[in-house]
Structures are given as C-alpha cells and as structure tokens.
Amino acid sequence: MKEVYARGIASPPAAGRAIRWLPSRSGRQRQPVPVRWTLDAGPPDAALRRARGAVTLRRNRLERILREARLQGAHPSVRQLAEALGVSPRTVKRDLAALRRTPAVDE
C-alpha cells in the first residue's frame, strides 16, 4: 500500500480526516465534544465526482459529516459545516434544503 500512496493512486487513510470541537446535542450547557469528520473518503469520493459532478460530491460529503457528528453526539452549526467543506454558509443552507427535498436512498 505504501507504493499506492507514494504514486498518488490513493490518499493515506487519515488524509481526509479532521477533528473539530462541536457543541454537544444534549444538556443545557452544550459542552464541546471532539468529533472526527471524514472530509475526503479518497477513491470513492473521486469516483463520485467523476460520475455525478462536484455539487453531488459536496452534498454527499455534507450528509456524511452530519451523520458522523450526530453519531458522535454533536450538533454542528452551518458556519462550522461551511468552514469544514470550504464553502460559504449560503451554499451549505442551499445544499441542506436540497437534501431535505430529496428522498433518502437506502444503501
């Protein structure tokens, strides 16, 4: 696998991971909790971008990081999501609205 990483065929497993401190979903104080986000899943994300385009990739990443935050007990703000994805808060709001309109597909 080292050769695969060295040639740039696939990124190392931790390359697309980020840790953020986000407010917890429970309690009055909403103490910050550390959350591990997968911002780039590597080859699956690259394949999705080639097949469906950048907007679909961004919305897929948004769904993934929201799911990961929820599973880890956090509640990210639109601003935090925008910073993680490298887009404007308005883009995140538009993507969230589009995701709400789209029926969920079971994998």
PDB file of N, CA and C in Angstrom:
ATOM      1  N   MET A   1       0.815  -1.199   0.000  1.00  0.00           N
ATOM      2  CA  MET A   1       0.000   0.000   0.000  1.00  0.00           C
ATOM      3  C   MET A   1       0.856   1.259   0.000  1.00  0.00           C
ATOM      4  N   LYS A   2       2.060   1.175   0.541  1.00  0.00           N
ATOM      5  CA  LYS A   2       2.915   2.358   0.557  1.00  0.00           C
ATOM      6  C   LYS A   2       3.172   2.864  -0.854  1.00  0.00           C
ATOM      7  N   GLU A   3       3.344   1.927  -1.783  1.00  0.00           N
ATOM      8  CA  GLU A   3       3.578   2.326  -3.170  1.00  0.00           C
ATOM      9  C   GLU A   3       2.349   3.010  -3.764  1.00  0.00           C
ATOM     10  N   VAL A   4       1.181   2.520  -3.424  1.00  0.00           N
ATOM     11  CA  VAL A   4      -0.062   3.133  -3.896  1.00  0.00           C
ATOM     12  C   VAL A   4      -0.160   4.568  -3.390  1.00  0.00           C
ATOM     13  N   TYR A   5       0.166   4.782  -2.117  1.00  0.00           N
ATOM     14  CA  TYR A   5       0.132   6.123  -1.551  1.00  0.00           C
ATOM     15  C   TYR A   5       1.209   7.003  -2.168  1.00  0.00           C
ATOM     16  N   ALA A   6       2.409   6.439  -2.373  1.00  0.00           N
ATOM     17  CA  ALA A   6       3.526   7.206  -2.935  1.00  0.00           C
ATOM     18  C   ALA A   6       3.227   7.652  -4.359  1.00  0.00           C
ATOM     19  N   ARG A   7       2.577   6.824  -5.142  1.00  0.00           N
ATOM     20  CA  ARG A   7       2.249   7.174  -6.525  1.00  0.00           C
ATOM     21  C   ARG A   7       1.057   8.109  -6.632  1.00  0.00           C
ATOM     22  N   GLY A   8       0.343   8.307  -5.544  1.00  0.00           N
ATOM     23  CA  GLY A   8      -0.816   9.189  -5.574  1.00  0.00           C
ATOM     24  C   GLY A   8      -2.076   8.529  -6.095  1.00  0.00           C
ATOM     25  N   ILE A   9      -2.074   7.197  -6.188  1.00  0.00           N
ATOM     26  CA  ILE A   9      -3.250   6.479  -6.661  1.00  0.00           C
ATOM     27  C   ILE A   9      -4.373   6.578  -5.625  1.00  0.00           C
ATOM     28  N   ALA A  10      -4.018   6.520  -4.374  1.00  0.00           N
ATOM     29  CA  ALA A  10      -4.979   6.679  -3.282  1.00  0.00           C
ATOM     30  C   ALA A  10      -4.319   7.484  -2.177  1.00  0.00           C
ATOM     31  N   SER A  11      -5.128   8.238  -1.469  1.00  0.00           N
ATOM     32  CA  SER A  11      -4.584   9.017  -0.370  1.00  0.00           C
ATOM     33  C   SER A  11      -4.512   8.154   0.884  1.00  0.00           C
ATOM     34  N   PRO A  12      -3.568   8.447   1.785  1.00  0.00           N
ATOM     35  CA  PRO A  12      -3.486   7.686   3.031  1.00  0.00           C
ATOM     36  C   PRO A  12      -4.804   7.770   3.801  1.00  0.00           C
ATOM     37  N   PRO A  13      -5.132   6.750   4.600  1.00  0.00           N
ATOM     38  CA  PRO A  13      -6.423   6.713   5.287  1.00  0.00           C
ATOM     39  C   PRO A  13      -6.745   7.936   6.121  1.00  0.00           C
ATOM     40  N   ALA A  14      -5.759   8.554   6.762  1.00  0.00           N
ATOM     41  CA  ALA A  14      -6.034   9.691   7.629  1.00  0.00           C
ATOM     42  C   ALA A  14      -5.977  11.027   6.898  1.00  0.00           C
ATOM     43  N   ALA A  15      -5.697  11.026   5.605  1.00  0.00           N
ATOM     44  CA  ALA A  15      -5.507  12.275   4.874  1.00  0.00           C
ATOM     45  C   ALA A  15      -6.776  13.125   4.841  1.00  0.00           C
ATOM     46  N   GLY A  16      -7.927  12.512   4.735  1.00  0.00           N
ATOM     47  CA  GLY A  16      -9.167  13.261   4.632  1.00  0.00           C
ATOM     48  C   GLY A  16      -9.925  13.383   5.930  1.00  0.00           C
ATOM     49  N   ARG A  17      -9.261  13.133   7.052  1.00  0.00           N
ATOM     50  CA  ARG A  17      -9.925  13.183   8.364  1.00  0.00           C
ATOM     51  C   ARG A  17      -9.621  14.499   9.053  1.00  0.00           C
ATOM     52  N   ALA A  18     -10.569  14.984   9.819  1.00  0.00           N
ATOM     53  CA  ALA A  18     -10.380  16.213  10.591  1.00  0.00           C
ATOM     54  C   ALA A  18     -11.069  16.047  11.940  1.00  0.00           C
ATOM     55  N   ILE A  19     -10.513  16.694  12.949  1.00  0.00           N
ATOM     56  CA  ILE A  19     -11.135  16.694  14.274  1.00  0.00           C
ATOM     57  C   ILE A  19     -11.580  18.114  14.571  1.00  0.00           C
ATOM     58  N   ARG A  20     -12.835  18.252  14.977  1.00  0.00           N
ATOM     59  CA  ARG A  20     -13.398  19.554  15.325  1.00  0.00           C
ATOM     60  C   ARG A  20     -14.045  19.447  16.698  1.00  0.00           C
ATOM     61  N   TRP A  21     -14.039  20.534  17.424  1.00  0.00           N
ATOM     62  CA  TRP A  21     -14.752  20.606  18.693  1.00  0.00           C
ATOM     63  C   TRP A  21     -16.092  21.265  18.411  1.00  0.00           C
ATOM     64  N   LEU A  22     -17.182  20.512  18.627  1.00  0.00           N
ATOM     65  CA  LEU A  22     -18.526  20.986  18.319  1.00  0.00           C
ATOM     66  C   LEU A  22     -19.401  20.909  19.554  1.00  0.00           C
ATOM     67  N   PRO A  23     -20.455  21.747  19.615  1.00  0.00           N
ATOM     68  CA  PRO A  23     -21.362  21.673  20.758  1.00  0.00           C
ATOM     69  C   PRO A  23     -22.093  20.339  20.797  1.00  0.00           C
ATOM     70  N   SER A  24     -22.285  19.823  22.001  1.00  0.00           N
ATOM     71  CA  SER A  24     -22.978  18.539  22.140  1.00  0.00           C
ATOM     72  C   SER A  24     -24.462  18.718  21.870  1.00  0.00           C
ATOM     73  N   ARG A  25     -25.129  17.611  21.563  1.00  0.00           N
ATOM     74  CA  ARG A  25     -26.552  17.653  21.254  1.00  0.00           C
ATOM     75  C   ARG A  25     -27.411  17.637  22.504  1.00  0.00           C
ATOM     76  N   SER A  26     -26.833  17.298  23.646  1.00  0.00           N
ATOM     77  CA  SER A  26     -27.639  17.166  24.857  1.00  0.00           C
ATOM     78  C   SER A  26     -27.124  18.080  25.954  1.00  0.00           C
ATOM     79  N   GLY A  27     -27.963  18.308  26.910  1.00  0.00           N
ATOM     80  CA  GLY A  27     -27.581  19.119  28.066  1.00  0.00           C
ATOM     81  C   GLY A  27     -27.794  20.599  27.825  1.00  0.00           C
ATOM     82  N   ARG A  28     -27.984  21.318  28.916  1.00  0.00           N
ATOM     83  CA  ARG A  28     -28.210  22.762  28.811  1.00  0.00           C
ATOM     84  C   ARG A  28     -26.949  23.518  28.446  1.00  0.00           C
ATOM     85  N   GLN A  29     -25.826  23.060  28.963  1.00  0.00           N
ATOM     86  CA  GLN A  29     -24.567  23.756  28.734  1.00  0.00           C
ATOM     87  C   GLN A  29     -24.027  23.553  27.324  1.00  0.00           C
ATOM     88  N   ARG A  30     -24.397  22.439  26.686  1.00  0.00           N
ATOM     89  CA  ARG A  30     -23.910  22.099  25.351  1.00  0.00           C
ATOM     90  C   ARG A  30     -22.393  22.205  25.284  1.00  0.00           C
ATOM     91  N   GLN A  31     -21.753  21.453  26.175  1.00  0.00           N
ATOM     92  CA  GLN A  31     -20.292  21.431  26.227  1.00  0.00           C
ATOM     93  C   GLN A  31     -19.715  20.917  24.908  1.00  0.00           C
ATOM     94  N   PRO A  32     -18.587  21.479  24.463  1.00  0.00           N
ATOM     95  CA  PRO A  32     -17.967  20.999  23.225  1.00  0.00           C
ATOM     96  C   PRO A  32     -17.467  19.565  23.367  1.00  0.00           C
ATOM     97  N   VAL A  33     -17.629  18.806  22.298  1.00  0.00           N
ATOM     98  CA  VAL A  33     -17.136  17.433  22.239  1.00  0.00           C
ATOM     99  C   VAL A  33     -16.271  17.288  20.983  1.00  0.00           C
ATOM    100  N   PRO A  34     -15.221  16.470  21.043  1.00  0.00           N
ATOM    101  CA  PRO A  34     -14.408  16.271  19.834  1.00  0.00           C
ATOM    102  C   PRO A  34     -15.141  15.357  18.851  1.00  0.00           C
ATOM    103  N   VAL A  35     -15.125  15.748  17.589  1.00  0.00           N
ATOM    104  CA  VAL A  35     -15.793  14.978  16.544  1.00  0.00           C
ATOM    105  C   VAL A  35     -14.805  14.728  15.413  1.00  0.00           C
ATOM    106  N   ARG A  36     -14.715  13.474  14.990  1.00  0.00           N
ATOM    107  CA  ARG A  36     -13.872  13.113  13.831  1.00  0.00           C
ATOM    108  C   ARG A  36     -14.748  13.108  12.588  1.00  0.00           C
ATOM    109  N   TRP A  37     -14.361  13.926  11.624  1.00  0.00           N
ATOM    110  CA  TRP A  37     -15.077  14.001  10.363  1.00  0.00           C
ATOM    111  C   TRP A  37     -14.234  13.410   9.252  1.00  0.00           C
ATOM    112  N   THR A  38     -14.874  12.715   8.336  1.00  0.00           N
ATOM    113  CA  THR A  38     -14.215  12.243   7.123  1.00  0.00           C
ATOM    114  C   THR A  38     -14.569  13.236   6.025  1.00  0.00           C
ATOM    115  N   LEU A  39     -13.672  14.178   5.777  1.00  0.00           N
ATOM    116  CA  LEU A  39     -13.933  15.195   4.773  1.00  0.00           C
ATOM    117  C   LEU A  39     -13.667  14.682   3.360  1.00  0.00           C
ATOM    118  N   ASP A  40     -12.737  13.745   3.232  1.00  0.00           N
ATOM    119  CA  ASP A  40     -12.418  13.171   1.928  1.00  0.00           C
ATOM    120  C   ASP A  40     -12.249  11.672   2.096  1.00  0.00           C
ATOM    121  N   ALA A  41     -13.121  10.909   1.459  1.00  0.00           N
ATOM    122  CA  ALA A  41     -13.071   9.451   1.572  1.00  0.00           C
ATOM    123  C   ALA A  41     -12.138   8.824   0.548  1.00  0.00           C
ATOM    124  N   GLY A  42     -11.431   9.640  -0.214  1.00  0.00           N
ATOM    125  CA  GLY A  42     -10.449   9.125  -1.166  1.00  0.00           C
ATOM    126  C   GLY A  42     -11.070   8.642  -2.459  1.00  0.00           C
ATOM    127  N   PRO A  43     -10.730   7.423  -2.891  1.00  0.00           N
ATOM    128  CA  PRO A  43     -11.216   6.916  -4.185  1.00  0.00           C
ATOM    129  C   PRO A  43     -12.742   6.935  -4.358  1.00  0.00           C
ATOM    130  N   PRO A  44     -13.541   6.604  -3.345  1.00  0.00           N
ATOM    131  CA  PRO A  44     -14.995   6.685  -3.555  1.00  0.00           C
ATOM    132  C   PRO A  44     -15.463   8.109  -3.871  1.00  0.00           C
ATOM    133  N   ASP A  45     -14.862   9.096  -3.209  1.00  0.00           N
ATOM    134  CA  ASP A  45     -15.227  10.484  -3.491  1.00  0.00           C
ATOM    135  C   ASP A  45     -14.784  10.894  -4.892  1.00  0.00           C
ATOM    136  N   ALA A  46     -13.609  10.465  -5.295  1.00  0.00           N
ATOM    137  CA  ALA A  46     -13.123  10.791  -6.640  1.00  0.00           C
ATOM    138  C   ALA A  46     -14.028  10.173  -7.703  1.00  0.00           C
ATOM    139  N   ALA A  47     -14.461   8.951  -7.484  1.00  0.00           N
ATOM    140  CA  ALA A  47     -15.351   8.287  -8.439  1.00  0.00           C
ATOM    141  C   ALA A  47     -16.705   8.983  -8.502  1.00  0.00           C
ATOM    142  N   LEU A  48     -17.217   9.403  -7.361  1.00  0.00           N
ATOM    143  CA  LEU A  48     -18.498  10.115  -7.334  1.00  0.00           C
ATOM    144  C   LEU A  48     -18.389  11.436  -8.079  1.00  0.00           C
ATOM    145  N   ARG A  49     -17.292  12.138  -7.884  1.00  0.00           N
ATOM    146  CA  ARG A  49     -17.099  13.422  -8.582  1.00  0.00           C
ATOM    147  C   ARG A  49     -17.054  13.211 -10.094  1.00  0.00           C
ATOM    148  N   ARG A  50     -16.350  12.183 -10.540  1.00  0.00           N
ATOM    149  CA  ARG A  50     -16.279  11.912 -11.983  1.00  0.00           C
ATOM    150  C   ARG A  50     -17.649  11.534 -12.540  1.00  0.00           C
ATOM    151  N   ALA A  51     -18.397  10.754 -11.788  1.00  0.00           N
ATOM    152  CA  ALA A  51     -19.679  10.253 -12.279  1.00  0.00           C
ATOM    153  C   ALA A  51     -20.812  11.277 -12.190  1.00  0.00           C
ATOM    154  N   ARG A  52     -20.864  12.028 -11.105  1.00  0.00           N
ATOM    155  CA  ARG A  52     -22.023  12.896 -10.859  1.00  0.00           C
ATOM    156  C   ARG A  52     -21.701  14.387 -10.743  1.00  0.00           C
ATOM    157  N   GLY A  53     -20.430  14.753 -10.572  1.00  0.00           N
ATOM    158  CA  GLY A  53     -20.069  16.164 -10.513  1.00  0.00           C
ATOM    159  C   GLY A  53     -19.771  16.659  -9.115  1.00  0.00           C
ATOM    160  N   ALA A  54     -19.285  17.898  -9.058  1.00  0.00           N
ATOM    161  CA  ALA A  54     -18.816  18.494  -7.813  1.00  0.00           C
ATOM    162  C   ALA A  54     -19.945  18.782  -6.823  1.00  0.00           C
ATOM    163  N   VAL A  55     -21.108  19.179  -7.326  1.00  0.00           N
ATOM    164  CA  VAL A  55     -22.225  19.504  -6.424  1.00  0.00           C
ATOM    165  C   VAL A  55     -22.693  18.249  -5.695  1.00  0.00           C
ATOM    166  N   THR A  56     -22.831  17.151  -6.415  1.00  0.00           N
ATOM    167  CA  THR A  56     -23.245  15.887  -5.792  1.00  0.00           C
ATOM    168  C   THR A  56     -22.207  15.424  -4.778  1.00  0.00           C
ATOM    169  N   LEU A  57     -20.932  15.584  -5.117  1.00  0.00           N
ATOM    170  CA  LEU A  57     -19.870  15.217  -4.179  1.00  0.00           C
ATOM    171  C   LEU A  57     -19.964  16.047  -2.904  1.00  0.00           C
ATOM    172  N   ARG A  58     -20.146  17.356  -3.037  1.00  0.00           N
ATOM    173  CA  ARG A  58     -20.239  18.233  -1.865  1.00  0.00           C
ATOM    174  C   ARG A  58     -21.438  17.856  -0.995  1.00  0.00           C
ATOM    175  N   ARG A  59     -22.569  17.577  -1.615  1.00  0.00           N
ATOM    176  CA  ARG A  59     -23.763  17.200  -0.839  1.00  0.00           C
ATOM    177  C   ARG A  59     -23.581  15.847  -0.165  1.00  0.00           C
ATOM    178  N   ASN A  60     -22.893  14.932  -0.827  1.00  0.00           N
ATOM    179  CA  ASN A  60     -22.590  13.638  -0.221  1.00  0.00           C
ATOM    180  C   ASN A  60     -21.683  13.821   0.995  1.00  0.00           C
ATOM    181  N   ARG A  61     -20.667  14.664   0.860  1.00  0.00           N
ATOM    182  CA  ARG A  61     -19.774  14.945   1.995  1.00  0.00           C
ATOM    183  C   ARG A  61     -20.540  15.606   3.135  1.00  0.00           C
ATOM    184  N   LEU A  62     -21.446  16.519   2.801  1.00  0.00           N
ATOM    185  CA  LEU A  62     -22.246  17.185   3.825  1.00  0.00           C
ATOM    186  C   LEU A  62     -23.081  16.166   4.594  1.00  0.00           C
ATOM    187  N   GLU A  63     -23.739  15.260   3.878  1.00  0.00           N
ATOM    188  CA  GLU A  63     -24.513  14.202   4.540  1.00  0.00           C
ATOM    189  C   GLU A  63     -23.627  13.351   5.441  1.00  0.00           C
ATOM    190  N   ARG A  64     -22.442  13.005   4.939  1.00  0.00           N
ATOM    191  CA  ARG A  64     -21.530  12.146   5.702  1.00  0.00           C
ATOM    192  C   ARG A  64     -21.075  12.828   6.987  1.00  0.00           C
ATOM    193  N   ILE A  65     -20.662  14.095   6.914  1.00  0.00           N
ATOM    194  CA  ILE A  65     -20.163  14.739   8.134  1.00  0.00           C
ATOM    195  C   ILE A  65     -21.293  15.036   9.114  1.00  0.00           C
ATOM    196  N   LEU A  66     -22.496  15.283   8.617  1.00  0.00           N
ATOM    197  CA  LEU A  66     -23.638  15.446   9.526  1.00  0.00           C
ATOM    198  C   LEU A  66     -23.947  14.134  10.247  1.00  0.00           C
ATOM    199  N   ARG A  67     -23.912  13.027   9.502  1.00  0.00           N
ATOM    200  CA  ARG A  67     -24.166  11.710  10.101  1.00  0.00           C
ATOM    201  C   ARG A  67     -23.099  11.388  11.148  1.00  0.00           C
ATOM    202  N   GLU A  68     -21.827  11.660  10.816  1.00  0.00           N
ATOM    203  CA  GLU A  68     -20.744  11.385  11.761  1.00  0.00           C
ATOM    204  C   GLU A  68     -20.872  12.257  13.012  1.00  0.00           C
ATOM    205  N   ALA A  69     -21.252  13.514  12.845  1.00  0.00           N
ATOM    206  CA  ALA A  69     -21.422  14.402  14.001  1.00  0.00           C
ATOM    207  C   ALA A  69     -22.555  13.897  14.897  1.00  0.00           C
ATOM    208  N   ARG A  70     -23.660  13.512  14.279  1.00  0.00           N
ATOM    209  CA  ARG A  70     -24.809  13.015  15.049  1.00  0.00           C
ATOM    210  C   ARG A  70     -24.451  11.752  15.819  1.00  0.00           C
ATOM    211  N   LEU A  71     -23.735  10.833  15.157  1.00  0.00           N
ATOM    212  CA  LEU A  71     -23.335   9.586  15.819  1.00  0.00           C
ATOM    213  C   LEU A  71     -22.381   9.829  16.981  1.00  0.00           C
ATOM    214  N   GLN A  72     -21.623  10.924  16.927  1.00  0.00           N
ATOM    215  CA  GLN A  72     -20.671  11.240  17.983  1.00  0.00           C
ATOM    216  C   GLN A  72     -21.239  12.231  19.004  1.00  0.00           C
ATOM    217  N   GLY A  73     -22.545  12.519  18.873  1.00  0.00           N
ATOM    218  CA  GLY A  73     -23.224  13.337  19.870  1.00  0.00           C
ATOM    219  C   GLY A  73     -23.024  14.831  19.728  1.00  0.00           C
ATOM    220  N   ALA A  74     -22.758  15.308  18.521  1.00  0.00           N
ATOM    221  CA  ALA A  74     -22.509  16.736  18.321  1.00  0.00           C
ATOM    222  C   ALA A  74     -23.575  17.357  17.421  1.00  0.00           C
ATOM    223  N   HIS A  75     -23.660  18.684  17.482  1.00  0.00           N
ATOM    224  CA  HIS A  75     -24.611  19.446  16.695  1.00  0.00           C
ATOM    225  C   HIS A  75     -23.873  20.605  16.025  1.00  0.00           C
ATOM    226  N   PRO A  76     -23.347  20.408  14.794  1.00  0.00           N
ATOM    227  CA  PRO A  76     -22.578  21.468  14.139  1.00  0.00           C
ATOM    228  C   PRO A  76     -23.477  22.587  13.610  1.00  0.00           C
ATOM    229  N   SER A  77     -22.940  23.787  13.591  1.00  0.00           N
ATOM    230  CA  SER A  77     -23.664  24.922  13.028  1.00  0.00           C
ATOM    231  C   SER A  77     -23.404  24.991  11.525  1.00  0.00           C
ATOM    232  N   VAL A  78     -24.183  25.788  10.827  1.00  0.00           N
ATOM    233  CA  VAL A  78     -23.994  25.977   9.393  1.00  0.00           C
ATOM    234  C   VAL A  78     -22.604  26.555   9.132  1.00  0.00           C
ATOM    235  N   ARG A  79     -22.177  27.477   9.971  1.00  0.00           N
ATOM    236  CA  ARG A  79     -20.854  28.091   9.817  1.00  0.00           C
ATOM    237  C   ARG A  79     -19.752  27.050   9.937  1.00  0.00           C
ATOM    238  N   GLN A  80     -19.869  26.150  10.908  1.00  0.00           N
ATOM    239  CA  GLN A  80     -18.862  25.099  11.097  1.00  0.00           C
ATOM    240  C   GLN A  80     -18.845  24.139   9.909  1.00  0.00           C
ATOM    241  N   LEU A  81     -20.012  23.809   9.382  1.00  0.00           N
ATOM    242  CA  LEU A  81     -20.087  22.939   8.214  1.00  0.00           C
ATOM    243  C   LEU A  81     -19.447  23.619   7.002  1.00  0.00           C
ATOM    244  N   ALA A  82     -19.730  24.913   6.833  1.00  0.00           N
ATOM    245  CA  ALA A  82     -19.174  25.655   5.706  1.00  0.00           C
ATOM    246  C   ALA A  82     -17.653  25.718   5.783  1.00  0.00           C
ATOM    247  N   GLU A  83     -17.114  25.957   6.986  1.00  0.00           N
ATOM    248  CA  GLU A  83     -15.661  26.006   7.153  1.00  0.00           C
ATOM    249  C   GLU A  83     -15.028  24.652   6.844  1.00  0.00           C
ATOM    250  N   ALA A  84     -15.662  23.577   7.281  1.00  0.00           N
ATOM    251  CA  ALA A  84     -15.111  22.240   7.049  1.00  0.00           C
ATOM    252  C   ALA A  84     -15.099  21.893   5.565  1.00  0.00           C
ATOM    253  N   LEU A  85     -16.134  22.303   4.839  1.00  0.00           N
ATOM    254  CA  LEU A  85     -16.246  21.973   3.424  1.00  0.00           C
ATOM    255  C   LEU A  85     -15.577  23.006   2.518  1.00  0.00           C
ATOM    256  N   GLY A  86     -15.212  24.143   3.077  1.00  0.00           N
ATOM    257  CA  GLY A  86     -14.556  25.177   2.283  1.00  0.00           C
ATOM    258  C   GLY A  86     -15.500  25.913   1.349  1.00  0.00           C
ATOM    259  N   VAL A  87     -16.741  26.097   1.794  1.00  0.00           N
ATOM    260  CA  VAL A  87     -17.743  26.813   1.003  1.00  0.00           C
ATOM    261  C   VAL A  87     -18.393  27.879   1.877  1.00  0.00           C
ATOM    262  N   SER A  88     -19.296  28.657   1.311  1.00  0.00           N
ATOM    263  CA  SER A  88     -19.982  29.699   2.075  1.00  0.00           C
ATOM    264  C   SER A  88     -21.138  29.096   2.878  1.00  0.00           C
ATOM    265  N   PRO A  89     -21.538  29.773   3.952  1.00  0.00           N
ATOM    266  CA  PRO A  89     -22.711  29.304   4.704  1.00  0.00           C
ATOM    267  C   PRO A  89     -23.970  29.238   3.831  1.00  0.00           C
ATOM    268  N   ARG A  90     -24.094  30.165   2.885  1.00  0.00           N
ATOM    269  CA  ARG A  90     -25.257  30.156   1.994  1.00  0.00           C
ATOM    270  C   ARG A  90     -25.288  28.877   1.155  1.00  0.00           C
ATOM    271  N   THR A  91     -24.140  28.425   0.707  1.00  0.00           N
ATOM    272  CA  THR A  91     -24.068  27.177  -0.068  1.00  0.00           C
ATOM    273  C   THR A  91     -24.507  25.995   0.784  1.00  0.00           C
ATOM    274  N   VAL A  92     -24.084  25.970   2.046  1.00  0.00           N
ATOM    275  CA  VAL A  92     -24.492  24.880   2.947  1.00  0.00           C
ATOM    276  C   VAL A  92     -25.997  24.913   3.157  1.00  0.00           C
ATOM    277  N   LYS A  93     -26.561  26.099   3.359  1.00  0.00           N
ATOM    278  CA  LYS A  93     -28.011  26.206   3.542  1.00  0.00           C
ATOM    279  C   LYS A  93     -28.758  25.708   2.308  1.00  0.00           C
ATOM    280  N   ARG A  94     -28.273  26.077   1.134  1.00  0.00           N
ATOM    281  CA  ARG A  94     -28.899  25.631  -0.114  1.00  0.00           C
ATOM    282  C   ARG A  94     -28.799  24.109  -0.258  1.00  0.00           C
ATOM    283  N   ASP A  95     -27.642  23.548   0.073  1.00  0.00           N
ATOM    284  CA  ASP A  95     -27.469  22.098  -0.007  1.00  0.00           C
ATOM    285  C   ASP A  95     -28.353  21.372   1.007  1.00  0.00           C
ATOM    286  N   LEU A  96     -28.465  21.912   2.216  1.00  0.00           N
ATOM    287  CA  LEU A  96     -29.332  21.292   3.222  1.00  0.00           C
ATOM    288  C   LEU A  96     -30.785  21.293   2.759  1.00  0.00           C
ATOM    289  N   ALA A  97     -31.221  22.391   2.146  1.00  0.00           N
ATOM    290  CA  ALA A  97     -32.592  22.466   1.631  1.00  0.00           C
ATOM    291  C   ALA A  97     -32.796  21.427   0.521  1.00  0.00           C
ATOM    292  N   ALA A  98     -31.817  21.277  -0.351  1.00  0.00           N
ATOM    293  CA  ALA A  98     -31.919  20.291  -1.434  1.00  0.00           C
ATOM    294  C   ALA A  98     -31.941  18.872  -0.868  1.00  0.00           C
ATOM    295  N   LEU A  99     -31.139  18.612   0.158  1.00  0.00           N
ATOM    296  CA  LEU A  99     -31.120  17.279   0.765  1.00  0.00           C
ATOM    297  C   LEU A  99     -32.434  16.963   1.458  1.00  0.00           C
ATOM    298  N   ARG A 100     -33.087  17.966   2.030  1.00  0.00           N
ATOM    299  CA  ARG A 100     -34.386  17.738   2.673  1.00  0.00           C
ATOM    300  C   ARG A 100     -35.447  17.364   1.635  1.00  0.00           C
ATOM    301  N   ARG A 101     -35.345  17.957   0.436  1.00  0.00           N
ATOM    302  CA  ARG A 101     -36.316  17.684  -0.623  1.00  0.00           C
ATOM    303  C   ARG A 101     -36.092  16.326  -1.277  1.00  0.00           C
ATOM    304  N   THR A 102     -34.878  15.822  -1.242  1.00  0.00           N
ATOM    305  CA  THR A 102     -34.518  14.567  -1.882  1.00  0.00           C
ATOM    306  C   THR A 102     -34.837  13.395  -0.964  1.00  0.00           C
ATOM    307  N   PRO A 103     -35.599  12.408  -1.437  1.00  0.00           N
ATOM    308  CA  PRO A 103     -35.869  11.235  -0.583  1.00  0.00           C
ATOM    309  C   PRO A 103     -34.594  10.445  -0.333  1.00  0.00           C
ATOM    310  N   ALA A 104     -34.467   9.907   0.861  1.00  0.00           N
ATOM    311  CA  ALA A 104     -33.297   9.126   1.236  1.00  0.00           C
ATOM    312  C   ALA A 104     -33.300   7.805   0.480  1.00  0.00           C
ATOM    313  N   VAL A 105     -32.124   7.394   0.045  1.00  0.00           N
ATOM    314  CA  VAL A 105     -31.960   6.121  -0.653  1.00  0.00           C
ATOM    315  C   VAL A 105     -31.189   5.180   0.256  1.00  0.00           C
ATOM    316  N   ASP A 106     -31.738   4.016   0.501  1.00  0.00           N
ATOM    317  CA  ASP A 106     -31.041   3.034   1.341  1.00  0.00           C
ATOM    318  C   ASP A 106     -29.885   2.451   0.555  1.00  0.00           C
ATOM    319  N   GLU A 107     -28.741   2.360   1.211  1.00  0.00           N
ATOM    320  CA  GLU A 107     -27.547   1.837   0.550  1.00  0.00           C
ATOM    321  C   GLU A 107     -27.481   0.343   0.663  1.00  0.00           C
TER     322      GLU A 107
END
